[in-house]
N, C-alpha and C. Protein backbone atom coordinates (compact mmCIF):
# COMPACT_ATOMS: atom_id res chain seq x y z
N MET A 1 139.18 91.61 101.34
CA MET A 1 138.54 92.70 100.79
C MET A 1 137.21 92.51 100.90
N ASP A 2 135.92 94.20 101.06
CA ASP A 2 135.04 93.51 101.92
C ASP A 2 134.18 93.90 100.95
N THR A 3 132.80 93.14 101.11
CA THR A 3 131.67 92.73 99.93
C THR A 3 130.67 93.48 100.12
N PRO A 4 130.36 93.86 98.90
CA PRO A 4 128.91 95.34 99.00
C PRO A 4 128.19 94.68 99.46
N VAL A 5 127.61 95.87 100.65
CA VAL A 5 126.19 95.93 100.59
C VAL A 5 124.91 96.20 100.08
N ALA A 6 124.15 94.97 99.98
CA ALA A 6 123.13 95.42 99.16
C ALA A 6 122.04 96.70 99.74
N LEU A 7 121.89 97.20 99.15
CA LEU A 7 121.14 98.09 99.45
C LEU A 7 119.87 97.79 99.63
N PRO A 8 118.60 98.36 100.40
CA PRO A 8 117.25 97.50 100.48
C PRO A 8 116.36 98.43 99.57
N GLU A 9 115.17 97.48 98.96
CA GLU A 9 114.88 98.00 97.56
C GLU A 9 113.86 98.22 98.05
N THR A 10 112.45 99.09 97.00
CA THR A 10 111.33 99.29 97.49
C THR A 10 110.58 100.14 96.23
N ARG A 11 109.41 99.89 95.90
CA ARG A 11 108.40 100.60 94.69
C ARG A 11 108.05 101.76 95.47
N ASP A 12 107.94 102.44 96.45
CA ASP A 12 107.66 103.51 96.56
C ASP A 12 108.57 104.33 97.02
N ARG A 13 108.39 105.48 96.70
CA ARG A 13 108.49 106.57 96.57
C ARG A 13 108.85 107.36 98.15
N ARG A 14 109.45 106.36 99.13
CA ARG A 14 109.29 106.91 100.53
C ARG A 14 110.39 105.90 101.21
N CYS A 15 111.11 106.33 102.39
CA CYS A 15 112.47 105.47 102.89
C CYS A 15 111.69 104.53 103.66
N PRO A 16 112.33 103.41 103.26
CA PRO A 16 111.63 101.89 103.92
C PRO A 16 111.88 101.89 105.07
N TYR A 17 112.51 102.75 105.64
CA TYR A 17 113.40 102.34 107.17
C TYR A 17 111.82 103.66 108.40
N CYS A 18 111.92 105.14 107.80
CA CYS A 18 111.43 105.89 108.50
C CYS A 18 110.30 106.31 108.34
N GLY A 19 109.86 105.86 106.55
CA GLY A 19 108.98 106.35 106.07
C GLY A 19 109.24 107.77 105.03
N ASN A 20 109.77 108.23 105.46
CA ASN A 20 110.04 109.76 105.08
C ASN A 20 110.10 109.65 103.54
N ARG A 21 109.01 110.96 103.17
CA ARG A 21 108.65 111.05 101.56
C ARG A 21 109.55 112.00 101.19
N ALA A 22 110.58 112.71 101.94
CA ALA A 22 111.35 113.93 101.48
C ALA A 22 112.99 113.21 100.84
N VAL A 23 112.77 111.92 100.08
CA VAL A 23 113.95 111.41 99.80
C VAL A 23 115.05 112.18 98.52
N VAL A 24 116.01 112.01 98.34
CA VAL A 24 116.80 112.88 97.77
C VAL A 24 117.56 112.03 96.72
N GLY A 25 117.29 112.05 95.21
CA GLY A 25 118.15 111.03 94.64
C GLY A 25 119.27 111.37 94.22
N LEU A 26 120.17 110.42 93.91
CA LEU A 26 121.69 110.34 94.42
C LEU A 26 122.46 110.31 92.90
N GLY A 27 121.25 110.57 91.68
CA GLY A 27 121.86 110.06 90.80
C GLY A 27 122.33 109.32 90.26
N HIS A 28 122.81 108.13 90.82
CA HIS A 28 123.05 107.10 89.93
C HIS A 28 121.40 106.11 89.50
N VAL A 29 121.43 105.59 88.24
CA VAL A 29 120.46 105.07 87.93
C VAL A 29 121.55 103.86 86.68
N THR A 30 120.49 102.65 87.12
CA THR A 30 120.81 101.03 86.56
C THR A 30 119.54 100.90 85.63
N ALA A 31 119.75 100.64 84.58
CA ALA A 31 118.53 100.50 83.63
C ALA A 31 118.53 98.95 83.42
N SER A 32 117.62 97.91 82.90
CA SER A 32 117.85 96.62 82.41
C SER A 32 116.31 95.96 81.31
N VAL A 33 116.59 95.13 80.82
CA VAL A 33 115.61 94.45 80.14
C VAL A 33 114.26 94.46 81.39
N THR A 34 114.23 94.38 82.72
CA THR A 34 113.55 94.30 83.53
C THR A 34 112.93 95.60 84.73
N GLY A 35 113.66 96.33 84.30
CA GLY A 35 113.44 97.48 84.82
C GLY A 35 114.20 98.69 85.54
N ILE A 36 114.21 99.79 85.97
CA ILE A 36 115.00 100.64 85.85
C ILE A 36 115.29 100.87 87.76
N ARG A 37 116.56 100.85 88.44
CA ARG A 37 116.96 101.23 89.86
C ARG A 37 117.53 102.35 89.75
N CYS A 38 116.82 103.02 90.75
CA CYS A 38 117.54 104.70 90.89
C CYS A 38 117.89 104.88 92.73
N ASP A 39 118.91 104.77 92.89
CA ASP A 39 119.68 105.33 94.22
C ASP A 39 118.95 106.59 94.57
N TYR A 40 118.54 106.60 95.57
CA TYR A 40 117.95 107.21 96.91
C TYR A 40 118.82 107.32 98.00
N ARG A 41 118.53 108.71 99.13
CA ARG A 41 119.16 108.48 100.48
C ARG A 41 117.47 109.06 100.77
N CYS A 42 117.75 109.11 102.24
CA CYS A 42 116.76 109.63 102.89
C CYS A 42 117.49 110.83 104.07
N PRO A 43 116.93 111.74 103.91
CA PRO A 43 117.74 113.20 104.74
C PRO A 43 117.37 112.97 105.92
N ASN A 44 116.44 112.46 106.45
CA ASN A 44 115.65 112.22 108.09
C ASN A 44 116.52 111.09 108.27
N CYS A 45 117.37 109.81 108.32
CA CYS A 45 117.51 108.90 108.61
C CYS A 45 119.03 108.70 108.06
N SER A 46 119.34 109.40 106.70
CA SER A 46 120.62 109.17 106.50
C SER A 46 121.16 107.71 105.77
N THR A 47 119.05 107.11 105.14
CA THR A 47 119.35 105.58 104.80
C THR A 47 119.80 105.77 103.46
N GLU A 48 120.16 104.74 102.17
CA GLU A 48 120.44 104.78 101.20
C GLU A 48 119.53 103.20 100.76
N PHE A 49 118.70 103.62 100.07
CA PHE A 49 118.17 102.67 99.25
C PHE A 49 117.89 102.70 97.65
N VAL A 50 117.58 101.61 96.74
CA VAL A 50 117.10 101.52 95.76
C VAL A 50 115.49 101.72 95.60
N LEU A 51 115.41 102.86 94.62
CA LEU A 51 113.77 102.75 93.99
C LEU A 51 113.68 101.90 92.93
N LEU A 52 112.70 101.25 92.93
CA LEU A 52 112.71 99.92 91.51
C LEU A 52 111.73 100.60 90.55
N PHE A 53 111.52 100.65 89.50
CA PHE A 53 110.75 100.80 88.48
C PHE A 53 110.28 99.65 87.60
N SER A 54 109.24 99.44 87.09
CA SER A 54 109.41 98.09 86.82
C SER A 54 108.76 98.24 85.25
N MET A 55 108.98 97.61 84.45
CA MET A 55 109.28 97.93 82.72
C MET A 55 107.37 98.13 82.21
N ARG A 56 107.18 96.87 83.20
CA ARG A 56 105.94 96.70 82.73
C ARG A 56 105.13 97.58 83.30
N LEU A 57 105.04 98.40 84.50
CA LEU A 57 103.98 98.94 84.77
C LEU A 57 104.62 100.17 83.53
N MET A 58 105.82 100.74 83.20
CA MET A 58 105.55 101.52 82.00
C MET A 58 104.78 101.33 80.86
N ILE A 59 105.11 100.30 80.61
CA ILE A 59 104.60 100.08 79.48
C ILE A 59 103.01 100.00 79.52
N GLU A 60 102.07 99.21 80.52
CA GLU A 60 101.17 99.28 80.74
C GLU A 60 100.39 100.59 81.09
N THR A 61 100.91 102.07 81.28
CA THR A 61 100.90 103.02 81.70
C THR A 61 100.84 103.75 80.56
N ASP A 62 99.52 104.71 79.83
CA ASP A 62 99.56 105.33 78.77
C ASP A 62 100.46 106.76 79.38
N TRP A 63 101.11 107.50 78.69
CA TRP A 63 102.23 108.29 79.12
C TRP A 63 101.82 109.43 78.17
N SER A 64 101.05 109.00 76.87
CA SER A 64 100.58 110.08 75.75
C SER A 64 100.08 111.32 76.48
N ALA A 65 100.08 112.06 76.14
CA ALA A 65 99.75 113.69 76.77
C ALA A 65 98.46 113.38 76.22
N PRO A 66 97.28 114.01 77.06
CA PRO A 66 95.73 114.29 76.52
C PRO A 66 95.60 114.58 75.31
N GLY A 67 95.12 114.03 74.23
CA GLY A 67 94.26 114.49 72.91
C GLY A 67 95.15 114.28 72.08
N SER A 68 96.65 113.14 72.54
CA SER A 68 97.18 112.74 71.42
C SER A 68 96.67 111.48 70.68
N PRO A 69 97.00 111.12 69.62
CA PRO A 69 96.93 109.92 68.95
C PRO A 69 97.56 108.47 69.71
């Protein structure tokens, strides 16, 4: 039985191999207490990778609309 290969991870929305910014979400999202993981693919080099979002960053960022309390 083959063991699954871990996808490369990045916090920047660009391909970790070729640097292309026009990446495509694959629709697989995993959320946990520590953050959110979204699977992406680069159409330029066909590399699949995981884009990481930190829950800490989301809490520290003011997501409210301008002028709201």
